[in-house]
């Protein structure tokens, strides 16, 4: 029994077709795989763009909080100083 940590693969030659481990795939299936990969890539990019937008909004909100705090502190310093 092999351990799951053993990542070696065995490629056995097919005695009927002599393919030597090559994977035969038809053109329709290959096209389908490429389309699916493209769609997943587009979906992933859209998700990342949404995440970036959300983070930029959070950054702007935090910067506003910092600016208000600094303004408040500067006003307090001018009153006491």
PDB file of N, CA and C in Angstrom:
ATOM      1  N   UNK A   1       0.849  -1.187   0.000  1.00  0.00           N
ATOM      2  CA  UNK A   1       0.000   0.000   0.000  1.00  0.00           C
ATOM      3  C   UNK A   1       0.889   1.243   0.000  1.00  0.00           C
ATOM      4  N   UNK A   2       0.566   2.187  -0.882  1.00  0.00           N
ATOM      5  CA  UNK A   2       1.353   3.408  -0.984  1.00  0.00           C
ATOM      6  C   UNK A   2       0.816   4.465  -0.039  1.00  0.00           C
ATOM      7  N   UNK A   3       1.706   5.281   0.442  1.00  0.00           N
ATOM      8  CA  UNK A   3       1.330   6.402   1.291  1.00  0.00           C
ATOM      9  C   UNK A   3       0.884   7.569   0.404  1.00  0.00           C
ATOM     10  N   UNK A   4      -0.006   8.420   0.925  1.00  0.00           N
ATOM     11  CA  UNK A   4      -0.430   9.573   0.138  1.00  0.00           C
ATOM     12  C   UNK A   4       0.694  10.587  -0.022  1.00  0.00           C
ATOM     13  N   UNK A   5       1.718  10.500   0.793  1.00  0.00           N
ATOM     14  CA  UNK A   5       2.849  11.400   0.635  1.00  0.00           C
ATOM     15  C   UNK A   5       3.724  10.993  -0.547  1.00  0.00           C
ATOM     16  N   UNK A   6       3.597   9.758  -0.997  1.00  0.00           N
ATOM     17  CA  UNK A   6       4.376   9.267  -2.135  1.00  0.00           C
ATOM     18  C   UNK A   6       3.703   9.740  -3.416  1.00  0.00           C
ATOM     19  N   UNK A   7       4.284  10.785  -4.023  1.00  0.00           N
ATOM     20  CA  UNK A   7       3.645  11.402  -5.178  1.00  0.00           C
ATOM     21  C   UNK A   7       4.149  10.856  -6.510  1.00  0.00           C
ATOM     22  N   UNK A   8       4.827   9.721  -6.481  1.00  0.00           N
ATOM     23  CA  UNK A   8       5.320   9.154  -7.734  1.00  0.00           C
ATOM     24  C   UNK A   8       4.164   8.533  -8.505  1.00  0.00           C
ATOM     25  N   UNK A   9       4.261   8.645  -9.814  1.00  0.00           N
ATOM     26  CA  UNK A   9       3.250   8.064 -10.679  1.00  0.00           C
ATOM     27  C   UNK A   9       3.897   7.000 -11.538  1.00  0.00           C
ATOM     28  N   UNK A  10       3.109   6.037 -11.907  1.00  0.00           N
ATOM     29  CA  UNK A  10       3.590   5.039 -12.839  1.00  0.00           C
ATOM     30  C   UNK A  10       2.842   5.219 -14.144  1.00  0.00           C
ATOM     31  N   UNK A  11       3.583   5.221 -15.233  1.00  0.00           N
ATOM     32  CA  UNK A  11       2.972   5.273 -16.548  1.00  0.00           C
ATOM     33  C   UNK A  11       3.166   3.908 -17.168  1.00  0.00           C
ATOM     34  N   UNK A  12       2.075   3.243 -17.406  1.00  0.00           N
ATOM     35  CA  UNK A  12       2.135   1.905 -17.970  1.00  0.00           C
ATOM     36  C   UNK A  12       1.796   1.967 -19.453  1.00  0.00           C
ATOM     37  N   UNK A  13       2.523   1.238 -20.247  1.00  0.00           N
ATOM     38  CA  UNK A  13       2.245   1.203 -21.675  1.00  0.00           C
ATOM     39  C   UNK A  13       1.023   0.335 -21.914  1.00  0.00           C
ATOM     40  N   UNK A  14       0.128   0.872 -22.709  1.00  0.00           N
ATOM     41  CA  UNK A  14      -1.068   0.117 -23.065  1.00  0.00           C
ATOM     42  C   UNK A  14      -0.669  -0.947 -24.079  1.00  0.00           C
ATOM     43  N   UNK A  15      -0.990  -2.183 -23.772  1.00  0.00           N
ATOM     44  CA  UNK A  15      -0.594  -3.273 -24.669  1.00  0.00           C
ATOM     45  C   UNK A  15      -1.437  -3.297 -25.940  1.00  0.00           C
ATOM     46  N   UNK A  16      -2.588  -2.654 -25.922  1.00  0.00           N
ATOM     47  CA  UNK A  16      -3.446  -2.671 -27.108  1.00  0.00           C
ATOM     48  C   UNK A  16      -3.130  -1.537 -28.074  1.00  0.00           C
ATOM     49  N   UNK A  17      -2.883  -0.333 -27.544  1.00  0.00           N
ATOM     50  CA  UNK A  17      -2.706   0.802 -28.459  1.00  0.00           C
ATOM     51  C   UNK A  17      -1.283   1.340 -28.476  1.00  0.00           C
ATOM     52  N   UNK A  18      -0.420   0.830 -27.624  1.00  0.00           N
ATOM     53  CA  UNK A  18       0.977   1.269 -27.547  1.00  0.00           C
ATOM     54  C   UNK A  18       1.105   2.780 -27.330  1.00  0.00           C
ATOM     55  N   UNK A  19       0.233   3.336 -26.511  1.00  0.00           N
ATOM     56  CA  UNK A  19       0.201   4.787 -26.310  1.00  0.00           C
ATOM     57  C   UNK A  19       1.285   5.284 -25.365  1.00  0.00           C
ATOM     58  N   UNK A  20       1.902   4.417 -24.625  1.00  0.00           N
ATOM     59  CA  UNK A  20       2.948   4.762 -23.666  1.00  0.00           C
ATOM     60  C   UNK A  20       2.497   5.829 -22.680  1.00  0.00           C
ATOM     61  N   UNK A  21       1.259   5.742 -22.227  1.00  0.00           N
ATOM     62  CA  UNK A  21       0.762   6.631 -21.200  1.00  0.00           C
ATOM     63  C   UNK A  21       0.186   7.929 -21.708  1.00  0.00           C
ATOM     64  N   UNK A  22       0.184   8.153 -23.006  1.00  0.00           N
ATOM     65  CA  UNK A  22      -0.383   9.376 -23.542  1.00  0.00           C
ATOM     66  C   UNK A  22      -1.893   9.364 -23.336  1.00  0.00           C
ATOM     67  N   UNK A  23      -2.429  10.515 -23.077  1.00  0.00           N
ATOM     68  CA  UNK A  23      -3.872  10.615 -22.886  1.00  0.00           C
ATOM     69  C   UNK A  23      -4.489  11.035 -24.210  1.00  0.00           C
ATOM     70  N   UNK A  24      -5.355  10.220 -24.715  1.00  0.00           N
ATOM     71  CA  UNK A  24      -6.052  10.545 -25.958  1.00  0.00           C
ATOM     72  C   UNK A  24      -7.298  11.350 -25.602  1.00  0.00           C
ATOM     73  N   UNK A  25      -7.508  12.469 -26.290  1.00  0.00           N
ATOM     74  CA  UNK A  25      -8.665  13.312 -26.004  1.00  0.00           C
ATOM     75  C   UNK A  25      -9.172  13.864 -27.331  1.00  0.00           C
ATOM     76  N   UNK A  26     -10.472  13.896 -27.481  1.00  0.00           N
ATOM     77  CA  UNK A  26     -11.018  14.399 -28.745  1.00  0.00           C
ATOM     78  C   UNK A  26     -11.058  15.927 -28.745  1.00  0.00           C
ATOM     79  N   UNK A  27     -11.185  16.486 -29.917  1.00  0.00           N
ATOM     80  CA  UNK A  27     -11.134  17.934 -30.092  1.00  0.00           C
ATOM     81  C   UNK A  27     -12.273  18.647 -29.363  1.00  0.00           C
ATOM     82  N   UNK A  28     -13.477  18.063 -29.368  1.00  0.00           N
ATOM     83  CA  UNK A  28     -14.614  18.685 -28.676  1.00  0.00           C
ATOM     84  C   UNK A  28     -14.352  18.785 -27.184  1.00  0.00           C
ATOM     85  N   UNK A  29     -13.815  17.729 -26.609  1.00  0.00           N
ATOM     86  CA  UNK A  29     -13.509  17.737 -25.177  1.00  0.00           C
ATOM     87  C   UNK A  29     -12.414  18.751 -24.865  1.00  0.00           C
ATOM     88  N   UNK A  30     -11.405  18.821 -25.728  1.00  0.00           N
ATOM     89  CA  UNK A  30     -10.326  19.782 -25.527  1.00  0.00           C
ATOM     90  C   UNK A  30     -10.872  21.207 -25.590  1.00  0.00           C
ATOM     91  N   UNK A  31     -11.747  21.491 -26.553  1.00  0.00           N
ATOM     92  CA  UNK A  31     -12.350  22.816 -26.675  1.00  0.00           C
ATOM     93  C   UNK A  31     -13.173  23.133 -25.432  1.00  0.00           C
ATOM     94  N   UNK A  32     -13.930  22.148 -24.944  1.00  0.00           N
ATOM     95  CA  UNK A  32     -14.750  22.323 -23.752  1.00  0.00           C
ATOM     96  C   UNK A  32     -13.884  22.644 -22.533  1.00  0.00           C
ATOM     97  N   UNK A  33     -12.770  21.966 -22.405  1.00  0.00           N
ATOM     98  CA  UNK A  33     -11.857  22.200 -21.285  1.00  0.00           C
ATOM     99  C   UNK A  33     -11.276  23.607 -21.362  1.00  0.00           C
ATOM    100  N   UNK A  34     -10.886  24.041 -22.568  1.00  0.00           N
ATOM    101  CA  UNK A  34     -10.316  25.382 -22.731  1.00  0.00           C
ATOM    102  C   UNK A  34     -11.346  26.457 -22.398  1.00  0.00           C
ATOM    103  N   UNK A  35     -12.593  26.277 -22.827  1.00  0.00           N
ATOM    104  CA  UNK A  35     -13.654  27.239 -22.530  1.00  0.00           C
ATOM    105  C   UNK A  35     -13.904  27.301 -21.037  1.00  0.00           C
ATOM    106  N   UNK A  36     -13.977  26.140 -20.399  1.00  0.00           N
ATOM    107  CA  UNK A  36     -14.212  26.092 -18.951  1.00  0.00           C
ATOM    108  C   UNK A  36     -13.074  26.777 -18.202  1.00  0.00           C
ATOM    109  N   UNK A  37     -11.849  26.542 -18.625  1.00  0.00           N
ATOM    110  CA  UNK A  37     -10.690  27.175 -17.986  1.00  0.00           C
ATOM    111  C   UNK A  37     -10.750  28.689 -18.147  1.00  0.00           C
ATOM    112  N   UNK A  38     -11.130  29.140 -19.334  1.00  0.00           N
ATOM    113  CA  UNK A  38     -11.258  30.578 -19.584  1.00  0.00           C
ATOM    114  C   UNK A  38     -12.334  31.187 -18.688  1.00  0.00           C
ATOM    115  N   UNK A  39     -13.482  30.515 -18.594  1.00  0.00           N
ATOM    116  CA  UNK A  39     -14.571  31.027 -17.768  1.00  0.00           C
ATOM    117  C   UNK A  39     -14.172  31.090 -16.304  1.00  0.00           C
ATOM    118  N   UNK A  40     -13.454  30.076 -15.840  1.00  0.00           N
ATOM    119  CA  UNK A  40     -12.993  30.089 -14.454  1.00  0.00           C
ATOM    120  C   UNK A  40     -11.998  31.221 -14.233  1.00  0.00           C
ATOM    121  N   UNK A  41     -11.146  31.465 -15.199  1.00  0.00           N
ATOM    122  CA  UNK A  41     -10.172  32.555 -15.096  1.00  0.00           C
ATOM    123  C   UNK A  41     -10.901  33.890 -15.033  1.00  0.00           C
ATOM    124  N   UNK A  42     -11.896  34.079 -15.898  1.00  0.00           N
ATOM    125  CA  UNK A  42     -12.664  35.323 -15.907  1.00  0.00           C
ATOM    126  C   UNK A  42     -13.388  35.499 -14.575  1.00  0.00           C
ATOM    127  N   UNK A  43     -13.975  34.421 -14.077  1.00  0.00           N
ATOM    128  CA  UNK A  43     -14.686  34.471 -12.797  1.00  0.00           C
ATOM    129  C   UNK A  43     -13.728  34.841 -11.670  1.00  0.00           C
ATOM    130  N   UNK A  44     -12.537  34.265 -11.688  1.00  0.00           N
ATOM    131  CA  UNK A  44     -11.532  34.539 -10.658  1.00  0.00           C
ATOM    132  C   UNK A  44     -11.087  35.999 -10.725  1.00  0.00           C
ATOM    133  N   UNK A  45     -10.858  36.498 -11.933  1.00  0.00           N
ATOM    134  CA  UNK A  45     -10.441  37.895 -12.096  1.00  0.00           C
ATOM    135  C   UNK A  45     -11.528  38.827 -11.586  1.00  0.00           C
ATOM    136  N   UNK A  46     -12.781  38.539 -11.918  1.00  0.00           N
ATOM    137  CA  UNK A  46     -13.895  39.375 -11.455  1.00  0.00           C
ATOM    138  C   UNK A  46     -13.942  39.392  -9.926  1.00  0.00           C
ATOM    139  N   UNK A  47     -13.758  38.225  -9.312  1.00  0.00           N
ATOM    140  CA  UNK A  47     -13.758  38.138  -7.852  1.00  0.00           C
ATOM    141  C   UNK A  47     -12.632  38.990  -7.269  1.00  0.00           C
ATOM    142  N   UNK A  48     -11.442  38.914  -7.862  1.00  0.00           N
ATOM    143  CA  UNK A  48     -10.313  39.693  -7.367  1.00  0.00           C
ATOM    144  C   UNK A  48     -10.558  41.190  -7.533  1.00  0.00           C
ATOM    145  N   UNK A  49     -11.158  41.586  -8.651  1.00  0.00           N
ATOM    146  CA  UNK A  49     -11.468  43.004  -8.857  1.00  0.00           C
ATOM    147  C   UNK A  49     -12.461  43.502  -7.811  1.00  0.00           C
ATOM    148  N   UNK A  50     -13.462  42.683  -7.489  1.00  0.00           N
ATOM    149  CA  UNK A  50     -14.434  43.054  -6.451  1.00  0.00           C
ATOM    150  C   UNK A  50     -13.749  43.180  -5.094  1.00  0.00           C
ATOM    151  N   UNK A  51     -12.836  42.276  -4.814  1.00  0.00           N
ATOM    152  CA  UNK A  51     -12.099  42.308  -3.546  1.00  0.00           C
ATOM    153  C   UNK A  51     -11.232  43.574  -3.468  1.00  0.00           C
ATOM    154  N   UNK A  52     -10.575  43.920  -4.555  1.00  0.00           N
ATOM    155  CA  UNK A  52      -9.758  45.135  -4.597  1.00  0.00           C
ATOM    156  C   UNK A  52     -10.622  46.364  -4.358  1.00  0.00           C
ATOM    157  N   UNK A  53     -11.780  46.405  -5.000  1.00  0.00           N
ATOM    158  CA  UNK A  53     -12.689  47.542  -4.829  1.00  0.00           C
ATOM    159  C   UNK A  53     -13.125  47.678  -3.373  1.00  0.00           C
ATOM    160  N   UNK A  54     -13.465  46.555  -2.759  1.00  0.00           N
ATOM    161  CA  UNK A  54     -13.882  46.555  -1.356  1.00  0.00           C
ATOM    162  C   UNK A  54     -12.747  47.060  -0.462  1.00  0.00           C
ATOM    163  N   UNK A  55     -11.540  46.595  -0.708  1.00  0.00           N
ATOM    164  CA  UNK A  55     -10.393  47.011   0.099  1.00  0.00           C
ATOM    165  C   UNK A  55     -10.076  48.491  -0.096  1.00  0.00           C
ATOM    166  N   UNK A  56     -10.246  48.994  -1.313  1.00  0.00           N
ATOM    167  CA  UNK A  56     -10.010  50.416  -1.560  1.00  0.00           C
ATOM    168  C   UNK A  56     -11.029  51.269  -0.805  1.00  0.00           C
ATOM    169  N   UNK A  57     -12.274  50.822  -0.748  1.00  0.00           N
ATOM    170  CA  UNK A  57     -13.299  51.551   0.011  1.00  0.00           C
ATOM    171  C   UNK A  57     -12.962  51.538   1.506  1.00  0.00           C
ATOM    172  N   UNK A  58     -12.532  50.377   1.998  1.00  0.00           N
ATOM    173  CA  UNK A  58     -12.147  50.293   3.406  1.00  0.00           C
ATOM    174  C   UNK A  58     -10.967  51.207   3.699  1.00  0.00           C
ATOM    175  N   UNK A  59     -10.003  51.251   2.784  1.00  0.00           N
ATOM    176  CA  UNK A  59      -8.841  52.122   2.972  1.00  0.00           C
ATOM    177  C   UNK A  59      -9.273  53.587   3.036  1.00  0.00           C
ATOM    178  N   UNK A  60     -10.177  53.980   2.147  1.00  0.00           N
ATOM    179  CA  UNK A  60     -10.658  55.368   2.144  1.00  0.00           C
ATOM    180  C   UNK A  60     -11.379  55.698   3.444  1.00  0.00           C
ATOM    181  N   UNK A  61     -12.197  54.772   3.934  1.00  0.00           N
ATOM    182  CA  UNK A  61     -12.898  54.993   5.204  1.00  0.00           C
ATOM    183  C   UNK A  61     -11.913  55.127   6.357  1.00  0.00           C
ATOM    184  N   UNK A  62     -10.919  54.266   6.389  1.00  0.00           N
ATOM    185  CA  UNK A  62      -9.918  54.330   7.454  1.00  0.00           C
ATOM    186  C   UNK A  62      -9.100  55.609   7.361  1.00  0.00           C
ATOM    187  N   UNK A  63      -8.774  56.041   6.140  1.00  0.00           N
ATOM    188  CA  UNK A  63      -8.024  57.284   5.980  1.00  0.00           C
ATOM    189  C   UNK A  63      -8.852  58.467   6.474  1.00  0.00           C
ATOM    190  N   UNK A  64     -10.160  58.453   6.200  1.00  0.00           N
ATOM    191  CA  UNK A  64     -11.037  59.516   6.707  1.00  0.00           C
ATOM    192  C   UNK A  64     -11.039  59.536   8.233  1.00  0.00           C
ATOM    193  N   UNK A  65     -11.079  58.354   8.854  1.00  0.00           N
ATOM    194  CA  UNK A  65     -11.051  58.282  10.313  1.00  0.00           C
ATOM    195  C   UNK A  65      -9.752  58.851  10.851  1.00  0.00           C
ATOM    196  N   UNK A  66      -8.638  58.505  10.212  1.00  0.00           N
ATOM    197  CA  UNK A  66      -7.335  59.013  10.643  1.00  0.00           C
ATOM    198  C   UNK A  66      -7.300  60.526  10.497  1.00  0.00           C
ATOM    199  N   UNK A  67      -7.778  61.024   9.357  1.00  0.00           N
ATOM    200  CA  UNK A  67      -7.779  62.477   9.133  1.00  0.00           C
ATOM    201  C   UNK A  67      -8.615  63.199  10.180  1.00  0.00           C
ATOM    202  N   UNK A  68      -9.792  62.669  10.504  1.00  0.00           N
ATOM    203  CA  UNK A  68     -10.641  63.294  11.531  1.00  0.00           C
ATOM    204  C   UNK A  68      -9.943  63.280  12.887  1.00  0.00           C
ATOM    205  N   UNK A  69      -9.289  62.175  13.205  1.00  0.00           N
ATOM    206  CA  UNK A  69      -8.581  62.060  14.480  1.00  0.00           C
ATOM    207  C   UNK A  69      -7.428  63.077  14.544  1.00  0.00           C
ATOM    208  N   UNK A  70      -6.671  63.172  13.469  1.00  0.00           N
ATOM    209  CA  UNK A  70      -5.543  64.108  13.439  1.00  0.00           C
ATOM    210  C   UNK A  70      -6.055  65.533  13.561  1.00  0.00           C
ATOM    211  N   UNK A  71      -7.120  65.865  12.838  1.00  0.00           N
ATOM    212  CA  UNK A  71      -7.700  67.215  12.932  1.00  0.00           C
ATOM    213  C   UNK A  71      -8.143  67.514  14.359  1.00  0.00           C
ATOM    214  N   UNK A  72      -8.783  66.546  14.993  1.00  0.00           N
ATOM    215  CA  UNK A  72      -9.250  66.720  16.367  1.00  0.00           C
ATOM    216  C   UNK A  72      -8.063  66.949  17.309  1.00  0.00           C
ATOM    217  N   UNK A  73      -7.012  66.145  17.141  1.00  0.00           N
ATOM    218  CA  UNK A  73      -5.825  66.280  17.984  1.00  0.00           C
ATOM    219  C   UNK A  73      -5.138  67.625  17.758  1.00  0.00           C
ATOM    220  N   UNK A  74      -5.097  68.076  16.508  1.00  0.00           N
ATOM    221  CA  UNK A  74      -4.466  69.368  16.223  1.00  0.00           C
ATOM    222  C   UNK A  74      -5.267  70.512  16.854  1.00  0.00           C
ATOM    223  N   UNK A  75      -6.577  70.405  16.836  1.00  0.00           N
ATOM    224  CA  UNK A  75      -7.418  71.420  17.467  1.00  0.00           C
ATOM    225  C   UNK A  75      -7.193  71.424  18.970  1.00  0.00           C
ATOM    226  N   UNK A  76      -7.094  70.245  19.561  1.00  0.00           N
ATOM    227  CA  UNK A  76      -6.863  70.137  21.003  1.00  0.00           C
ATOM    228  C   UNK A  76      -5.490  70.723  21.372  1.00  0.00           C
ATOM    229  N   UNK A  77      -4.484  70.487  20.529  1.00  0.00           N
ATOM    230  CA  UNK A  77      -3.148  71.015  20.790  1.00  0.00           C
ATOM    231  C   UNK A  77      -3.129  72.541  20.707  1.00  0.00           C
ATOM    232  N   UNK A  78      -3.861  73.116  19.781  1.00  0.00           N
ATOM    233  CA  UNK A  78      -3.869  74.575  19.653  1.00  0.00           C
ATOM    234  C   UNK A  78      -4.622  75.208  20.811  1.00  0.00           C
ATOM    235  N   UNK A  79      -5.618  74.520  21.375  1.00  0.00           N
ATOM    236  CA  UNK A  79      -6.359  75.043  22.522  1.00  0.00           C
ATOM    237  C   UNK A  79      -5.511  75.000  23.788  1.00  0.00           C
ATOM    238  N   UNK A  80      -4.734  73.906  23.945  1.00  0.00           N
ATOM    239  CA  UNK A  80      -3.932  73.746  25.162  1.00  0.00           C
ATOM    240  C   UNK A  80      -2.546  74.362  25.026  1.00  0.00           C
ATOM    241  N   UNK A  81      -2.104  74.611  23.836  1.00  0.00           N
ATOM    242  CA  UNK A  81      -0.736  75.063  23.642  1.00  0.00           C
ATOM    243  C   UNK A  81      -0.615  76.482  23.407  1.00  0.00           C
TER     244      UNK A  81
END
